[in-house]
Amino acid sequence: MIGISGLAYALGSRIISNADLAISHGLEPDYFVSRTGIEHRLQRGGRTSSPCQPAP
């Protein structure tokens, strides 16, 4: 029988505020919060270990 044995994900290690992101794009500091409700984001960066295991 074949199936999925597990799932994984990696979160970024650096938090970016929406104010910083908005200002870098020439927008008002509360632009993203007022439209999406998201207050900060995680930026991917650096290396992560391989999410896959070699087959036995």
N, C-alpha and C. Protein backbone atom coordinates (compact mmCIF):
# COMPACT_ATOMS: atom_id res chain seq x y z
N MET A 1 0.84 -1.18 0.00
CA MET A 1 0.00 0.00 0.00
C MET A 1 0.89 1.24 0.00
N ILE A 2 0.52 2.23 -0.77
CA ILE A 2 1.28 3.47 -0.87
C ILE A 2 0.46 4.60 -0.27
N GLY A 3 1.11 5.46 0.49
CA GLY A 3 0.40 6.59 1.09
C GLY A 3 1.36 7.68 1.49
N ILE A 4 0.83 8.75 1.97
CA ILE A 4 1.64 9.87 2.45
C ILE A 4 2.01 9.59 3.90
N SER A 5 3.31 9.62 4.18
CA SER A 5 3.75 9.31 5.54
C SER A 5 3.90 10.55 6.42
N GLY A 6 3.96 11.73 5.81
CA GLY A 6 4.09 12.93 6.62
C GLY A 6 4.14 14.18 5.76
N LEU A 7 3.90 15.30 6.38
CA LEU A 7 3.96 16.60 5.72
C LEU A 7 4.81 17.52 6.56
N ALA A 8 5.45 18.50 5.93
CA ALA A 8 6.27 19.44 6.67
C ALA A 8 6.26 20.79 5.97
N TYR A 9 6.68 21.82 6.69
CA TYR A 9 6.83 23.14 6.12
C TYR A 9 7.90 23.88 6.90
N ALA A 10 8.44 24.91 6.30
CA ALA A 10 9.46 25.72 6.96
C ALA A 10 8.98 27.16 7.02
N LEU A 11 9.11 27.78 8.18
CA LEU A 11 8.77 29.18 8.34
C LEU A 11 10.03 30.01 8.22
N GLY A 12 9.87 31.22 7.79
CA GLY A 12 11.00 32.11 7.69
C GLY A 12 11.58 32.45 9.05
N SER A 13 12.79 32.90 9.06
CA SER A 13 13.45 33.22 10.32
C SER A 13 13.47 34.72 10.61
N ARG A 14 13.05 35.52 9.65
CA ARG A 14 13.08 36.98 9.84
C ARG A 14 11.66 37.53 9.73
N ILE A 15 11.25 38.29 10.72
CA ILE A 15 9.93 38.90 10.71
C ILE A 15 10.03 40.27 10.05
N ILE A 16 9.15 40.53 9.09
CA ILE A 16 9.10 41.82 8.40
C ILE A 16 7.77 42.48 8.74
N SER A 17 7.83 43.68 9.27
CA SER A 17 6.58 44.38 9.60
C SER A 17 5.95 44.89 8.31
N ASN A 18 4.63 44.97 8.32
CA ASN A 18 3.93 45.51 7.15
C ASN A 18 4.30 46.96 6.93
N ALA A 19 4.57 47.70 8.00
CA ALA A 19 4.96 49.10 7.84
C ALA A 19 6.26 49.20 7.03
N ASP A 20 7.25 48.35 7.37
CA ASP A 20 8.50 48.36 6.62
C ASP A 20 8.29 47.96 5.17
N LEU A 21 7.46 46.94 4.95
CA LEU A 21 7.19 46.49 3.59
C LEU A 21 6.45 47.56 2.79
N ALA A 22 5.46 48.18 3.39
CA ALA A 22 4.69 49.22 2.70
C ALA A 22 5.56 50.42 2.34
N ILE A 23 6.37 50.87 3.29
CA ILE A 23 7.23 52.02 3.05
C ILE A 23 8.23 51.72 1.92
N SER A 24 8.75 50.47 1.88
CA SER A 24 9.70 50.12 0.82
C SER A 24 9.05 50.11 -0.55
N HIS A 25 7.71 50.03 -0.60
CA HIS A 25 6.98 50.07 -1.87
C HIS A 25 6.28 51.41 -2.08
N GLY A 26 6.58 52.39 -1.23
CA GLY A 26 6.01 53.71 -1.39
C GLY A 26 4.55 53.82 -0.98
N LEU A 27 4.11 52.96 -0.06
CA LEU A 27 2.72 52.96 0.40
C LEU A 27 2.63 53.47 1.83
N GLU A 28 1.43 53.76 2.29
CA GLU A 28 1.21 54.18 3.68
C GLU A 28 1.56 53.02 4.62
N PRO A 29 2.08 53.29 5.82
CA PRO A 29 2.48 52.22 6.74
C PRO A 29 1.37 51.23 7.10
N ASP A 30 0.10 51.67 7.12
CA ASP A 30 -0.99 50.75 7.49
C ASP A 30 -1.70 50.15 6.28
N TYR A 31 -1.11 50.25 5.11
CA TYR A 31 -1.73 49.80 3.87
C TYR A 31 -2.16 48.33 3.94
N PHE A 32 -1.24 47.43 4.29
CA PHE A 32 -1.54 45.99 4.28
C PHE A 32 -2.48 45.58 5.41
N VAL A 33 -2.29 46.14 6.59
CA VAL A 33 -3.15 45.78 7.72
C VAL A 33 -4.60 46.17 7.44
N SER A 34 -4.80 47.36 6.89
CA SER A 34 -6.17 47.82 6.64
C SER A 34 -6.86 47.01 5.54
N ARG A 35 -6.09 46.40 4.66
CA ARG A 35 -6.70 45.64 3.56
C ARG A 35 -6.75 44.14 3.80
N THR A 36 -5.80 43.60 4.56
CA THR A 36 -5.74 42.15 4.75
C THR A 36 -5.87 41.70 6.19
N GLY A 37 -5.57 42.57 7.15
CA GLY A 37 -5.56 42.18 8.56
C GLY A 37 -4.26 41.52 8.99
N ILE A 38 -3.35 41.29 8.06
CA ILE A 38 -2.06 40.66 8.38
C ILE A 38 -1.15 41.73 8.97
N GLU A 39 -0.58 41.44 10.15
CA GLU A 39 0.24 42.45 10.84
C GLU A 39 1.73 42.31 10.56
N HIS A 40 2.21 41.12 10.27
CA HIS A 40 3.62 40.95 9.91
C HIS A 40 3.76 39.69 9.07
N ARG A 41 4.92 39.53 8.47
CA ARG A 41 5.19 38.40 7.59
C ARG A 41 6.52 37.77 7.98
N LEU A 42 6.69 36.52 7.63
CA LEU A 42 7.96 35.84 7.85
C LEU A 42 8.66 35.70 6.51
N GLN A 43 9.90 36.14 6.47
CA GLN A 43 10.67 36.08 5.23
C GLN A 43 11.47 34.79 5.19
N ARG A 44 11.40 34.11 4.08
CA ARG A 44 12.24 32.93 3.91
C ARG A 44 13.67 33.38 3.73
N GLY A 45 14.56 32.61 4.22
CA GLY A 45 15.96 32.95 4.06
C GLY A 45 16.83 31.87 4.64
N GLY A 46 18.06 31.89 4.26
CA GLY A 46 18.98 30.89 4.77
C GLY A 46 18.68 29.53 4.18
N ARG A 47 19.33 28.55 4.71
CA ARG A 47 19.14 27.20 4.21
C ARG A 47 18.36 26.39 5.23
N THR A 48 17.58 25.48 4.74
CA THR A 48 16.90 24.53 5.61
C THR A 48 17.38 23.15 5.21
N SER A 49 17.23 22.20 6.09
CA SER A 49 17.62 20.84 5.76
C SER A 49 16.63 20.31 4.71
N SER A 50 17.03 19.32 4.04
CA SER A 50 16.18 18.73 2.99
C SER A 50 14.91 18.18 3.61
N PRO A 51 13.74 18.52 3.04
CA PRO A 51 12.49 18.02 3.60
C PRO A 51 12.23 16.56 3.28
N CYS A 52 13.08 15.94 2.44
CA CYS A 52 12.84 14.57 2.02
C CYS A 52 13.86 13.63 2.64
N GLN A 53 13.42 12.45 2.90
CA GLN A 53 14.30 11.40 3.39
C GLN A 53 14.62 10.47 2.21
N PRO A 54 15.84 10.00 2.13
CA PRO A 54 16.15 9.05 1.05
C PRO A 54 15.38 7.74 1.24
N ALA A 55 15.03 7.12 0.14
CA ALA A 55 14.33 5.84 0.22
C ALA A 55 15.25 4.77 0.77
N PRO A 56 14.71 3.85 1.58
CA PRO A 56 15.57 2.79 2.14
C PRO A 56 16.00 1.80 1.08
